Amino acid sequence: MKNTQLIKSFPLANTKEGVITVSHIKEPYGEGSKPVVSIGISLNGENRPDWKAHIPYENIDDVIEALKEAKEKFNS
């Protein structure tokens, strides 16, 4: 997709070939739609993620806070 720019890719913990990708998508829902950050998870290391989430830039700080909270509460 030409409206997608890869920001970062890194190994998915506890898998042999899994990958997490973070990308910027311009106009994800058609012309004029606002850009989002896409977080993709691929279990077999292929370019097509098995799961993905699109996060509007306006919600990134809230998502980061929720992830930090989850890490503090449950990652012991």
C-alpha atoms as a PDB file:
ATOM      1  CA  MET A   1       0.000   0.000   0.000  1.00  0.00           C
ATOM      2  CA  LYS A   2       1.664   3.244  -1.103  1.00  0.00           C
ATOM      3  CA  ASN A   3       0.051   5.250   1.688  1.00  0.00           C
ATOM      4  CA  THR A   4       1.868   3.121   4.283  1.00  0.00           C
ATOM      5  CA  GLN A   5       5.289   3.876   5.727  1.00  0.00           C
ATOM      6  CA  LEU A   6       7.027   1.403   8.025  1.00  0.00           C
ATOM      7  CA  ILE A   7       8.219   3.094  11.217  1.00  0.00           C
ATOM      8  CA  LYS A   8       9.700   0.111  13.044  1.00  0.00           C
ATOM      9  CA  SER A   9       9.714  -3.679  13.003  1.00  0.00           C
ATOM     10  CA  PHE A  10      10.928  -5.965  15.783  1.00  0.00           C
ATOM     11  CA  PRO A  11      10.710  -9.623  16.884  1.00  0.00           C
ATOM     12  CA  LEU A  12       7.566 -10.812  18.666  1.00  0.00           C
ATOM     13  CA  ALA A  13       8.652 -12.262  22.009  1.00  0.00           C
ATOM     14  CA  ASN A  14       8.147 -15.972  22.651  1.00  0.00           C
ATOM     15  CA  THR A  15       7.770 -16.885  18.965  1.00  0.00           C
ATOM     16  CA  LYS A  16      10.232 -18.317  16.454  1.00  0.00           C
ATOM     17  CA  GLU A  17       9.431 -16.038  13.514  1.00  0.00           C
ATOM     18  CA  GLY A  18       6.852 -13.567  14.816  1.00  0.00           C
ATOM     19  CA  VAL A  19       7.188  -9.873  14.077  1.00  0.00           C
ATOM     20  CA  ILE A  20       5.558  -6.686  15.363  1.00  0.00           C
ATOM     21  CA  THR A  21       5.392  -3.815  12.883  1.00  0.00           C
ATOM     22  CA  VAL A  22       4.491  -0.208  13.544  1.00  0.00           C
ATOM     23  CA  SER A  23       3.503   1.828  10.491  1.00  0.00           C
ATOM     24  CA  HIS A  24       2.027   5.202   9.538  1.00  0.00           C
ATOM     25  CA  ILE A  25      -0.971   4.974   7.222  1.00  0.00           C
ATOM     26  CA  LYS A  26      -2.068   8.083   5.340  1.00  0.00           C
ATOM     27  CA  GLU A  27      -5.787   8.105   4.481  1.00  0.00           C
ATOM     28  CA  PRO A  28      -6.486   4.560   5.773  1.00  0.00           C
ATOM     29  CA  TYR A  29     -10.227   4.713   5.099  1.00  0.00           C
ATOM     30  CA  GLY A  30     -10.189   6.553   1.802  1.00  0.00           C
ATOM     31  CA  GLU A  31      -9.476  10.020   0.503  1.00  0.00           C
ATOM     32  CA  GLY A  32      -9.611  12.672   3.192  1.00  0.00           C
ATOM     33  CA  SER A  33      -9.547  10.288   6.174  1.00  0.00           C
ATOM     34  CA  LYS A  34      -7.103  11.123   8.954  1.00  0.00           C
ATOM     35  CA  PRO A  35      -3.852   9.151   9.272  1.00  0.00           C
ATOM     36  CA  VAL A  36      -3.383   6.402  11.852  1.00  0.00           C
ATOM     37  CA  VAL A  37      -0.638   4.338  13.368  1.00  0.00           C
ATOM     38  CA  SER A  38      -1.022   0.668  12.482  1.00  0.00           C
ATOM     39  CA  ILE A  39       0.333  -2.007  14.807  1.00  0.00           C
ATOM     40  CA  GLY A  40       0.580  -5.366  13.079  1.00  0.00           C
ATOM     41  CA  ILE A  41       1.391  -8.801  14.481  1.00  0.00           C
ATOM     42  CA  SER A  42       2.620 -11.558  12.186  1.00  0.00           C
ATOM     43  CA  LEU A  43       3.220 -14.978  13.711  1.00  0.00           C
ATOM     44  CA  ASN A  44       5.150 -16.389  10.758  1.00  0.00           C
ATOM     45  CA  GLY A  45       7.271 -13.359   9.894  1.00  0.00           C
ATOM     46  CA  GLU A  46       5.468 -12.581   6.636  1.00  0.00           C
ATOM     47  CA  ASN A  47       4.640  -9.039   5.530  1.00  0.00           C
ATOM     48  CA  ARG A  48       0.899  -9.599   5.973  1.00  0.00           C
ATOM     49  CA  PRO A  49      -0.067  -9.365   9.660  1.00  0.00           C
ATOM     50  CA  ASP A  50      -2.367 -11.901  11.285  1.00  0.00           C
ATOM     51  CA  TRP A  51      -3.756  -9.087  13.473  1.00  0.00           C
ATOM     52  CA  LYS A  52      -3.596  -5.330  13.260  1.00  0.00           C
ATOM     53  CA  ALA A  53      -4.945  -2.318  15.084  1.00  0.00           C
ATOM     54  CA  HIS A  54      -5.306   1.190  13.699  1.00  0.00           C
ATOM     55  CA  ILE A  55      -4.836   3.896  16.310  1.00  0.00           C
ATOM     56  CA  PRO A  56      -5.703   7.516  15.540  1.00  0.00           C
ATOM     57  CA  TYR A  57      -2.851   9.859  16.428  1.00  0.00           C
ATOM     58  CA  GLU A  58      -5.198  11.634  18.852  1.00  0.00           C
ATOM     59  CA  ASN A  59      -5.386   8.423  20.950  1.00  0.00           C
ATOM     60  CA  ILE A  60      -1.694   7.471  21.063  1.00  0.00           C
ATOM     61  CA  ASP A  61      -1.001   9.008  24.486  1.00  0.00           C
ATOM     62  CA  ASP A  62      -4.022   7.200  25.982  1.00  0.00           C
ATOM     63  CA  VAL A  63      -2.897   3.885  24.483  1.00  0.00           C
ATOM     64  CA  ILE A  64       0.652   4.374  25.801  1.00  0.00           C
ATOM     65  CA  GLU A  65      -0.713   5.069  29.290  1.00  0.00           C
ATOM     66  CA  ALA A  66      -2.920   1.966  29.171  1.00  0.00           C
ATOM     67  CA  LEU A  67       0.034  -0.173  28.015  1.00  0.00           C
ATOM     68  CA  LYS A  68       2.224   1.177  30.828  1.00  0.00           C
ATOM     69  CA  GLU A  69      -0.548   0.447  33.332  1.00  0.00           C
ATOM     70  CA  ALA A  70      -0.925  -3.115  32.030  1.00  0.00           C
ATOM     71  CA  LYS A  71       2.839  -3.657  32.263  1.00  0.00           C
ATOM     72  CA  GLU A  72       2.962  -2.366  35.860  1.00  0.00           C
ATOM     73  CA  LYS A  73      -0.036  -4.418  37.012  1.00  0.00           C
ATOM     74  CA  PHE A  74       0.474  -7.688  35.208  1.00  0.00           C
ATOM     75  CA  ASN A  75       4.125  -8.066  34.144  1.00  0.00           C
ATOM     76  CA  SER A  76       5.665  -9.327  37.366  1.00  0.00           C
END
